[in-house]
PDB file of all heavy atoms in Angstrom:
ATOM      1  N   TRP A   1     -10.792   9.684  11.225  1.00  0.00           N
ATOM      2  CA  TRP A   1     -10.795  10.909  11.990  1.00  0.00           C
ATOM      3  C   TRP A   1     -12.137  10.922  12.883  1.00  0.00           C
ATOM      4  O   TRP A   1     -12.087  11.445  13.979  1.00  0.00           O
ATOM      5  CB  TRP A   1     -10.708  12.143  11.156  1.00  0.00           C
ATOM      6  CG  TRP A   1      -9.318  12.426  10.787  1.00  0.00           C
ATOM      7  CD1 TRP A   1      -8.727  12.170   9.580  1.00  0.00           C
ATOM      8  CD2 TRP A   1      -8.333  12.881  11.582  1.00  0.00           C
ATOM      9  NE1 TRP A   1      -7.468  12.456   9.646  1.00  0.00           N
ATOM     10  CE2 TRP A   1      -7.119  12.952  10.793  1.00  0.00           C
ATOM     11  CE3 TRP A   1      -8.252  13.340  12.967  1.00  0.00           C
ATOM     12  CZ2 TRP A   1      -5.909  13.407  11.431  1.00  0.00           C
ATOM     13  CZ3 TRP A   1      -7.091  13.714  13.495  1.00  0.00           C
ATOM     14  CH2 TRP A   1      -5.835  13.796  12.649  1.00  0.00           C
ATOM     15  N   TRP A   2     -13.152  10.310  12.459  1.00  0.00           N
ATOM     16  CA  TRP A   2     -14.413  10.170  13.288  1.00  0.00           C
ATOM     17  C   TRP A   2     -14.023   9.297  14.463  1.00  0.00           C
ATOM     18  O   TRP A   2     -14.451   9.632  15.634  1.00  0.00           O
ATOM     19  CB  TRP A   2     -15.540   9.578  12.505  1.00  0.00           C
ATOM     20  CG  TRP A   2     -15.921  10.440  11.392  1.00  0.00           C
ATOM     21  CD1 TRP A   2     -15.661  11.813  11.201  1.00  0.00           C
ATOM     22  CD2 TRP A   2     -16.757  10.075  10.252  1.00  0.00           C
ATOM     23  NE1 TRP A   2     -16.295  12.265  10.046  1.00  0.00           N
ATOM     24  CE2 TRP A   2     -16.900  11.284   9.392  1.00  0.00           C
ATOM     25  CE3 TRP A   2     -17.272   8.939   9.816  1.00  0.00           C
ATOM     26  CZ2 TRP A   2     -17.633  11.209   8.274  1.00  0.00           C
ATOM     27  CZ3 TRP A   2     -17.996   8.874   8.591  1.00  0.00           C
ATOM     28  CH2 TRP A   2     -18.158  10.020   7.789  1.00  0.00           C
ATOM     29  N   ILE A   3     -13.332   8.210  14.258  1.00  0.00           N
ATOM     30  CA  ILE A   3     -12.894   7.328  15.331  1.00  0.00           C
ATOM     31  C   ILE A   3     -12.041   8.136  16.340  1.00  0.00           C
ATOM     32  O   ILE A   3     -12.215   8.096  17.639  1.00  0.00           O
ATOM     33  CB  ILE A   3     -12.168   6.139  14.870  1.00  0.00           C
ATOM     34  CG1 ILE A   3     -13.089   5.216  14.135  1.00  0.00           C
ATOM     35  CG2 ILE A   3     -11.521   5.292  16.038  1.00  0.00           C
ATOM     36  CD1 ILE A   3     -12.443   4.105  13.302  1.00  0.00           C
ATOM     37  N   LYS A   4     -11.073   8.870  15.792  1.00  0.00           N
ATOM     38  CA  LYS A   4     -10.156   9.681  16.641  1.00  0.00           C
ATOM     39  C   LYS A   4     -10.894  10.688  17.453  1.00  0.00           C
ATOM     40  O   LYS A   4     -10.618  10.856  18.633  1.00  0.00           O
ATOM     41  CB  LYS A   4      -9.133  10.413  15.820  1.00  0.00           C
ATOM     42  CG  LYS A   4      -8.070   9.480  15.222  1.00  0.00           C
ATOM     43  CD  LYS A   4      -6.994   9.129  16.183  1.00  0.00           C
ATOM     44  CE  LYS A   4      -6.161  10.314  16.454  1.00  0.00           C
ATOM     45  NZ  LYS A   4      -4.985  10.006  17.424  1.00  0.00           N
ATOM     46  N   CYS A   5     -11.873  11.350  16.878  1.00  0.00           N
ATOM     47  CA  CYS A   5     -12.664  12.365  17.621  1.00  0.00           C
ATOM     48  C   CYS A   5     -13.528  11.668  18.720  1.00  0.00           C
ATOM     49  O   CYS A   5     -13.701  12.267  19.742  1.00  0.00           O
ATOM     50  CB  CYS A   5     -13.515  13.137  16.609  1.00  0.00           C
ATOM     51  SG  CYS A   5     -12.530  14.337  15.614  1.00  0.00           S
ATOM     52  N   ALA A   6     -14.074  10.513  18.386  1.00  0.00           N
ATOM     53  CA  ALA A   6     -14.911   9.847  19.299  1.00  0.00           C
ATOM     54  C   ALA A   6     -14.125   9.302  20.576  1.00  0.00           C
ATOM     55  O   ALA A   6     -14.649   9.362  21.672  1.00  0.00           O
ATOM     56  CB  ALA A   6     -15.627   8.710  18.646  1.00  0.00           C
ATOM     57  N   VAL A   7     -12.907   8.803  20.327  1.00  0.00           N
ATOM     58  CA  VAL A   7     -12.159   8.221  21.452  1.00  0.00           C
ATOM     59  C   VAL A   7     -11.199   9.189  22.080  1.00  0.00           C
ATOM     60  O   VAL A   7     -10.728   8.911  23.212  1.00  0.00           O
ATOM     61  CB  VAL A   7     -11.358   6.959  20.963  1.00  0.00           C
ATOM     62  CG1 VAL A   7     -12.313   5.949  20.358  1.00  0.00           C
ATOM     63  CG2 VAL A   7     -10.194   7.367  20.062  1.00  0.00           C
ATOM     64  N   GLY A   8     -10.965  10.367  21.391  1.00  0.00           N
ATOM     65  CA  GLY A   8     -10.040  11.333  21.964  1.00  0.00           C
ATOM     66  C   GLY A   8      -8.990  11.533  20.928  1.00  0.00           C
ATOM     67  O   GLY A   8      -8.171  10.703  20.645  1.00  0.00           O
ATOM     68  N   VAL A   9      -8.897  12.809  20.381  1.00  0.00           N
ATOM     69  CA  VAL A   9      -7.964  13.046  19.338  1.00  0.00           C
ATOM     70  C   VAL A   9      -6.480  12.872  19.737  1.00  0.00           C
ATOM     71  O   VAL A   9      -5.662  12.608  18.853  1.00  0.00           O
ATOM     72  CB  VAL A   9      -8.169  14.534  18.801  1.00  0.00           C
ATOM     73  CG1 VAL A   9      -9.426  14.734  17.991  1.00  0.00           C
ATOM     74  CG2 VAL A   9      -8.063  15.487  19.874  1.00  0.00           C
ATOM     75  N   ASN A  10      -6.187  12.885  21.044  1.00  0.00           N
ATOM     76  CA  ASN A  10      -4.821  12.689  21.495  1.00  0.00           C
ATOM     77  C   ASN A  10      -4.493  11.354  21.999  1.00  0.00           C
ATOM     78  O   ASN A  10      -3.470  11.013  22.533  1.00  0.00           O
ATOM     79  CB  ASN A  10      -4.485  13.781  22.552  1.00  0.00           C
ATOM     80  CG  ASN A  10      -4.622  15.165  22.011  1.00  0.00           C
ATOM     81  OD1 ASN A  10      -4.065  15.457  20.917  1.00  0.00           O
ATOM     82  ND2 ASN A  10      -5.234  16.053  22.762  1.00  0.00           N
ATOM     83  N   ASP A  11      -5.570  10.467  21.906  1.00  0.00           N
ATOM     84  CA  ASP A  11      -5.464   9.064  22.431  1.00  0.00           C
ATOM     85  C   ASP A  11      -4.896   8.205  21.293  1.00  0.00           C
ATOM     86  O   ASP A  11      -5.625   7.466  20.576  1.00  0.00           O
ATOM     87  CB  ASP A  11      -6.727   8.498  22.895  1.00  0.00           C
ATOM     88  CG  ASP A  11      -6.732   7.132  23.496  1.00  0.00           C
ATOM     89  OD1 ASP A  11      -5.515   6.621  23.568  1.00  0.00           O
ATOM     90  OD2 ASP A  11      -7.727   6.581  23.890  1.00  0.00           O
ATOM     91  N   ASP A  12      -3.537   8.232  21.115  1.00  0.00           N
ATOM     92  CA  ASP A  12      -2.960   7.422  19.968  1.00  0.00           C
ATOM     93  C   ASP A  12      -2.901   6.044  20.318  1.00  0.00           C
ATOM     94  O   ASP A  12      -2.596   5.174  19.424  1.00  0.00           O
ATOM     95  CB  ASP A  12      -1.540   7.955  19.754  1.00  0.00           C
ATOM     96  CG  ASP A  12      -1.551   9.369  19.210  1.00  0.00           C
ATOM     97  OD1 ASP A  12      -2.519   9.790  18.482  1.00  0.00           O
ATOM     98  OD2 ASP A  12      -0.589  10.167  19.489  1.00  0.00           O
ATOM     99  N   GLY A  13      -3.175   5.587  21.542  1.00  0.00           N
ATOM    100  CA  GLY A  13      -3.086   4.202  21.906  1.00  0.00           C
ATOM    101  C   GLY A  13      -4.380   3.429  21.828  1.00  0.00           C
ATOM    102  O   GLY A  13      -4.342   2.219  22.083  1.00  0.00           O
ATOM    103  N   ASN A  14      -5.481   4.076  21.430  1.00  0.00           N
ATOM    104  CA  ASN A  14      -6.726   3.450  21.341  1.00  0.00           C
ATOM    105  C   ASN A  14      -6.596   2.254  20.283  1.00  0.00           C
ATOM    106  O   ASN A  14      -6.227   2.521  19.110  1.00  0.00           O
ATOM    107  CB  ASN A  14      -7.825   4.475  20.890  1.00  0.00           C
ATOM    108  CG  ASN A  14      -9.188   3.745  20.741  1.00  0.00           C
ATOM    109  OD1 ASN A  14      -9.560   3.275  19.700  1.00  0.00           O
ATOM    110  ND2 ASN A  14      -9.901   3.742  21.894  1.00  0.00           N
ATOM    111  N   PRO A  15      -7.128   1.142  20.638  1.00  0.00           N
ATOM    112  CA  PRO A  15      -6.894  -0.051  19.709  1.00  0.00           C
ATOM    113  C   PRO A  15      -7.572   0.103  18.364  1.00  0.00           C
ATOM    114  O   PRO A  15      -7.101  -0.315  17.314  1.00  0.00           O
ATOM    115  CB  PRO A  15      -7.432  -1.228  20.529  1.00  0.00           C
ATOM    116  CG  PRO A  15      -7.411  -0.849  21.941  1.00  0.00           C
ATOM    117  CD  PRO A  15      -7.527   0.694  21.966  1.00  0.00           C
ATOM    118  N   LEU A  16      -8.823   0.674  18.370  1.00  0.00           N
ATOM    119  CA  LEU A  16      -9.581   0.867  17.155  1.00  0.00           C
ATOM    120  C   LEU A  16      -8.904   1.845  16.298  1.00  0.00           C
ATOM    121  O   LEU A  16      -8.761   1.662  14.997  1.00  0.00           O
ATOM    122  CB  LEU A  16     -11.014   1.248  17.496  1.00  0.00           C
ATOM    123  CG  LEU A  16     -11.974   1.367  16.270  1.00  0.00           C
ATOM    124  CD1 LEU A  16     -12.055   0.057  15.479  1.00  0.00           C
ATOM    125  CD2 LEU A  16     -13.344   1.852  16.740  1.00  0.00           C
ATOM    126  N   ALA A  17      -8.485   2.895  16.865  1.00  0.00           N
ATOM    127  CA  ALA A  17      -7.820   3.992  16.050  1.00  0.00           C
ATOM    128  C   ALA A  17      -6.420   3.418  15.435  1.00  0.00           C
ATOM    129  O   ALA A  17      -6.148   3.653  14.327  1.00  0.00           O
ATOM    130  CB  ALA A  17      -7.498   5.275  16.851  1.00  0.00           C
ATOM    131  N   LYS A  18      -5.714   2.703  16.334  1.00  0.00           N
ATOM    132  CA  LYS A  18      -4.437   2.055  15.834  1.00  0.00           C
ATOM    133  C   LYS A  18      -4.700   1.130  14.682  1.00  0.00           C
ATOM    134  O   LYS A  18      -3.954   1.125  13.755  1.00  0.00           O
ATOM    135  CB  LYS A  18      -3.765   1.424  17.005  1.00  0.00           C
ATOM    136  CG  LYS A  18      -3.081   2.383  18.000  1.00  0.00           C
ATOM    137  CD  LYS A  18      -2.435   1.599  19.135  1.00  0.00           C
ATOM    138  CE  LYS A  18      -1.240   0.864  18.678  1.00  0.00           C
ATOM    139  NZ  LYS A  18      -0.550   0.225  19.768  1.00  0.00           N
ATOM    140  N   ALA A  19      -5.708   0.290  14.867  1.00  0.00           N
ATOM    141  CA  ALA A  19      -5.998  -0.736  13.811  1.00  0.00           C
ATOM    142  C   ALA A  19      -6.355  -0.052  12.488  1.00  0.00           C
ATOM    143  O   ALA A  19      -5.919  -0.464  11.426  1.00  0.00           O
ATOM    144  CB  ALA A  19      -7.083  -1.647  14.275  1.00  0.00           C
ATOM    145  N   TYR A  20      -7.219   1.007  12.605  1.00  0.00           N
ATOM    146  CA  TYR A  20      -7.619   1.730  11.355  1.00  0.00           C
ATOM    147  C   TYR A  20      -6.472   2.412  10.729  1.00  0.00           C
ATOM    148  O   TYR A  20      -6.230   2.385   9.488  1.00  0.00           O
ATOM    149  CB  TYR A  20      -8.795   2.646  11.562  1.00  0.00           C
ATOM    150  CG  TYR A  20      -9.512   3.073  10.398  1.00  0.00           C
ATOM    151  CD1 TYR A  20     -10.828   2.486  10.147  1.00  0.00           C
ATOM    152  CD2 TYR A  20      -9.028   3.838   9.362  1.00  0.00           C
ATOM    153  CE1 TYR A  20     -11.526   2.845   8.993  1.00  0.00           C
ATOM    154  CE2 TYR A  20      -9.691   4.141   8.250  1.00  0.00           C
ATOM    155  CZ  TYR A  20     -10.969   3.685   8.021  1.00  0.00           C
ATOM    156  OH  TYR A  20     -11.637   3.975   6.920  1.00  0.00           O
ATOM    157  N   HIS A  21      -5.568   2.951  11.531  1.00  0.00           N
ATOM    158  CA  HIS A  21      -4.389   3.662  11.045  1.00  0.00           C
ATOM    159  C   HIS A  21      -3.468   2.729  10.260  1.00  0.00           C
ATOM    160  O   HIS A  21      -2.903   2.984   9.251  1.00  0.00           O
ATOM    161  CB  HIS A  21      -3.647   4.293  12.188  1.00  0.00           C
ATOM    162  CG  HIS A  21      -2.455   5.119  11.738  1.00  0.00           C
ATOM    163  ND1 HIS A  21      -1.187   4.619  11.658  1.00  0.00           N
ATOM    164  CD2 HIS A  21      -2.414   6.448  11.245  1.00  0.00           C
ATOM    165  CE1 HIS A  21      -0.372   5.551  11.267  1.00  0.00           C
ATOM    166  NE2 HIS A  21      -1.023   6.655  10.935  1.00  0.00           N
ATOM    167  N   GLN A  22      -3.322   1.509  10.803  1.00  0.00           N
ATOM    168  CA  GLN A  22      -2.514   0.502  10.169  1.00  0.00           C
ATOM    169  C   GLN A  22      -3.125   0.180   8.769  1.00  0.00           C
ATOM    170  O   GLN A  22      -2.368  -0.131   7.819  1.00  0.00           O
ATOM    171  CB  GLN A  22      -2.407  -0.739  11.037  1.00  0.00           C
ATOM    172  CG  GLN A  22      -1.541  -0.567  12.291  1.00  0.00           C
ATOM    173  CD  GLN A  22      -1.579  -1.716  13.188  1.00  0.00           C
ATOM    174  OE1 GLN A  22      -2.380  -2.673  13.018  1.00  0.00           O
ATOM    175  NE2 GLN A  22      -0.737  -1.672  14.219  1.00  0.00           N
ATOM    176  N   ILE A  23      -4.421   0.064   8.705  1.00  0.00           N
ATOM    177  CA  ILE A  23      -5.048  -0.179   7.373  1.00  0.00           C
ATOM    178  C   ILE A  23      -4.745   0.961   6.397  1.00  0.00           C
ATOM    179  O   ILE A  23      -4.463   0.700   5.228  1.00  0.00           O
ATOM    180  CB  ILE A  23      -6.579  -0.304   7.573  1.00  0.00           C
ATOM    181  CG1 ILE A  23      -6.911  -1.640   8.358  1.00  0.00           C
ATOM    182  CG2 ILE A  23      -7.309  -0.336   6.184  1.00  0.00           C
ATOM    183  CD1 ILE A  23      -8.360  -1.749   8.739  1.00  0.00           C
ATOM    184  N   LEU A  24      -4.784   2.191   6.885  1.00  0.00           N
ATOM    185  CA  LEU A  24      -4.525   3.281   6.053  1.00  0.00           C
ATOM    186  C   LEU A  24      -3.090   3.286   5.482  1.00  0.00           C
ATOM    187  O   LEU A  24      -2.807   3.582   4.323  1.00  0.00           O
ATOM    188  CB  LEU A  24      -4.841   4.627   6.714  1.00  0.00           C
ATOM    189  CG  LEU A  24      -6.288   4.932   7.011  1.00  0.00           C
ATOM    190  CD1 LEU A  24      -6.408   6.252   7.787  1.00  0.00           C
ATOM    191  CD2 LEU A  24      -7.114   5.004   5.773  1.00  0.00           C
ATOM    192  N   VAL A  25      -2.139   3.012   6.348  1.00  0.00           N
ATOM    193  CA  VAL A  25      -0.746   2.944   5.980  1.00  0.00           C
ATOM    194  C   VAL A  25      -0.472   1.780   4.912  1.00  0.00           C
ATOM    195  O   VAL A  25       0.198   1.986   3.964  1.00  0.00           O
ATOM    196  CB  VAL A  25       0.153   2.715   7.244  1.00  0.00           C
ATOM    197  CG1 VAL A  25       1.562   2.409   6.790  1.00  0.00           C
ATOM    198  CG2 VAL A  25       0.119   3.950   8.162  1.00  0.00           C
ATOM    199  N   TRP A  26      -1.160   0.618   5.177  1.00  0.00           N
ATOM    200  CA  TRP A  26      -1.114  -0.438   4.230  1.00  0.00           C
ATOM    201  C   TRP A  26      -1.696  -0.025   2.922  1.00  0.00           C
ATOM    202  O   TRP A  26      -1.080  -0.354   1.775  1.00  0.00           O
ATOM    203  CB  TRP A  26      -1.828  -1.633   4.797  1.00  0.00           C
ATOM    204  CG  TRP A  26      -2.036  -2.712   3.844  1.00  0.00           C
ATOM    205  CD1 TRP A  26      -1.164  -3.652   3.406  1.00  0.00           C
ATOM    206  CD2 TRP A  26      -3.264  -3.022   3.147  1.00  0.00           C
ATOM    207  NE1 TRP A  26      -1.707  -4.485   2.479  1.00  0.00           N
ATOM    208  CE2 TRP A  26      -3.071  -4.165   2.246  1.00  0.00           C
ATOM    209  CE3 TRP A  26      -4.566  -2.397   3.035  1.00  0.00           C
ATOM    210  CZ2 TRP A  26      -4.021  -4.716   1.425  1.00  0.00           C
ATOM    211  CZ3 TRP A  26      -5.492  -2.996   2.227  1.00  0.00           C
ATOM    212  CH2 TRP A  26      -5.191  -4.091   1.435  1.00  0.00           C
ATOM    213  N   ASP A  27      -2.760   0.719   2.904  1.00  0.00           N
ATOM    214  CA  ASP A  27      -3.382   1.173   1.686  1.00  0.00           C
ATOM    215  C   ASP A  27      -2.521   2.112   0.875  1.00  0.00           C
ATOM    216  O   ASP A  27      -2.284   2.031  -0.288  1.00  0.00           O
ATOM    217  CB  ASP A  27      -4.686   1.809   1.920  1.00  0.00           C
ATOM    218  CG  ASP A  27      -5.322   2.315   0.717  1.00  0.00           C
ATOM    219  OD1 ASP A  27      -5.608   1.644  -0.236  1.00  0.00           O
ATOM    220  OD2 ASP A  27      -5.585   3.607   0.683  1.00  0.00           O
ATOM    221  N   ILE A  28      -1.841   3.000   1.604  1.00  0.00           N
ATOM    222  CA  ILE A  28      -0.989   4.070   1.048  1.00  0.00           C
ATOM    223  C   ILE A  28       0.235   3.335   0.360  1.00  0.00           C
ATOM    224  O   ILE A  28       0.739   3.688  -0.758  1.00  0.00           O
ATOM    225  CB  ILE A  28      -0.546   5.116   2.040  1.00  0.00           C
ATOM    226  CG1 ILE A  28      -1.741   6.010   2.469  1.00  0.00           C
ATOM    227  CG2 ILE A  28       0.605   5.915   1.494  1.00  0.00           C
ATOM    228  CD1 ILE A  28      -1.479   6.837   3.630  1.00  0.00           C
ATOM    229  N   MET A  29       0.757   2.342   1.110  1.00  0.00           N
ATOM    230  CA  MET A  29       1.996   1.728   0.587  1.00  0.00           C
ATOM    231  C   MET A  29       1.726   0.712  -0.524  1.00  0.00           C
ATOM    232  O   MET A  29       2.447   0.647  -1.487  1.00  0.00           O
ATOM    233  CB  MET A  29       2.653   0.918   1.807  1.00  0.00           C
ATOM    234  CG  MET A  29       3.126   1.821   2.953  1.00  0.00           C
ATOM    235  SD  MET A  29       4.355   3.043   2.391  1.00  0.00           S
ATOM    236  CE  MET A  29       5.717   1.997   1.915  1.00  0.00           C
ATOM    237  N   LYS A  30       0.574  -0.014  -0.420  1.00  0.00           N
ATOM    238  CA  LYS A  30       0.310  -1.115  -1.420  1.00  0.00           C
ATOM    239  C   LYS A  30      -0.618  -0.665  -2.558  1.00  0.00           C
ATOM    240  O   LYS A  30      -0.610  -1.149  -3.563  1.00  0.00           O
ATOM    241  CB  LYS A  30      -0.219  -2.348  -0.660  1.00  0.00           C
ATOM    242  CG  LYS A  30       0.666  -2.918   0.419  1.00  0.00           C
ATOM    243  CD  LYS A  30       2.024  -3.430  -0.267  1.00  0.00           C
ATOM    244  CE  LYS A  30       2.877  -4.080   0.865  1.00  0.00           C
ATOM    245  NZ  LYS A  30       4.099  -4.549   0.275  1.00  0.00           N
ATOM    246  N   ARG A  31      -1.561   0.230  -2.218  1.00  0.00           N
ATOM    247  CA  ARG A  31      -2.543   0.692  -3.133  1.00  0.00           C
ATOM    248  C   ARG A  31      -3.201  -0.404  -3.924  1.00  0.00           C
ATOM    249  O   ARG A  31      -3.272  -0.451  -5.117  1.00  0.00           O
ATOM    250  CB  ARG A  31      -1.934   1.673  -4.182  1.00  0.00           C
ATOM    251  CG  ARG A  31      -1.275   2.933  -3.494  1.00  0.00           C
ATOM    252  CD  ARG A  31      -0.857   3.907  -4.515  1.00  0.00           C
ATOM    253  NE  ARG A  31      -1.987   4.471  -5.315  1.00  0.00           N
ATOM    254  CZ  ARG A  31      -2.754   5.416  -4.874  1.00  0.00           C
ATOM    255  NH1 ARG A  31      -2.668   5.898  -3.645  1.00  0.00           N
ATOM    256  NH2 ARG A  31      -3.762   5.874  -5.637  1.00  0.00           N
ATOM    257  N   PRO A  32      -3.825  -1.334  -3.173  1.00  0.00           N
ATOM    258  CA  PRO A  32      -4.567  -2.480  -3.841  1.00  0.00           C
ATOM    259  C   PRO A  32      -5.738  -1.951  -4.591  1.00  0.00           C
ATOM    260  O   PRO A  32      -6.384  -0.913  -4.239  1.00  0.00           O
ATOM    261  CB  PRO A  32      -4.937  -3.390  -2.646  1.00  0.00           C
ATOM    262  CG  PRO A  32      -5.061  -2.441  -1.477  1.00  0.00           C
ATOM    263  CD  PRO A  32      -3.986  -1.416  -1.683  1.00  0.00           C
ATOM    264  N   LEU A  33      -6.223  -2.708  -5.609  1.00  0.00           N
ATOM    265  CA  LEU A  33      -7.296  -2.310  -6.427  1.00  0.00           C
ATOM    266  C   LEU A  33      -8.547  -2.125  -5.656  1.00  0.00           C
ATOM    267  O   LEU A  33      -9.325  -1.242  -5.865  1.00  0.00           O
ATOM    268  CB  LEU A  33      -7.486  -3.301  -7.558  1.00  0.00           C
ATOM    269  CG  LEU A  33      -8.693  -3.030  -8.536  1.00  0.00           C
ATOM    270  CD1 LEU A  33      -8.522  -1.685  -9.277  1.00  0.00           C
ATOM    271  CD2 LEU A  33      -8.742  -4.154  -9.569  1.00  0.00           C
ATOM    272  N   ALA A  34      -8.855  -3.123  -4.707  1.00  0.00           N
ATOM    273  CA  ALA A  34     -10.140  -2.993  -3.941  1.00  0.00           C
ATOM    274  C   ALA A  34     -10.232  -1.738  -3.154  1.00  0.00           C
ATOM    275  O   ALA A  34     -11.359  -1.154  -3.167  1.00  0.00           O
ATOM    276  CB  ALA A  34     -10.148  -4.239  -2.975  1.00  0.00           C
TER     277      ALA A  34
END
């Protein structure tokens, strides 16, 4: 959310925000120990 606020909360196409979102989705789905 800090990234989203820095680049624009409605800018869903920002590469950094998209990459971090993909990590969060992966974490929610896989829940790895790390």
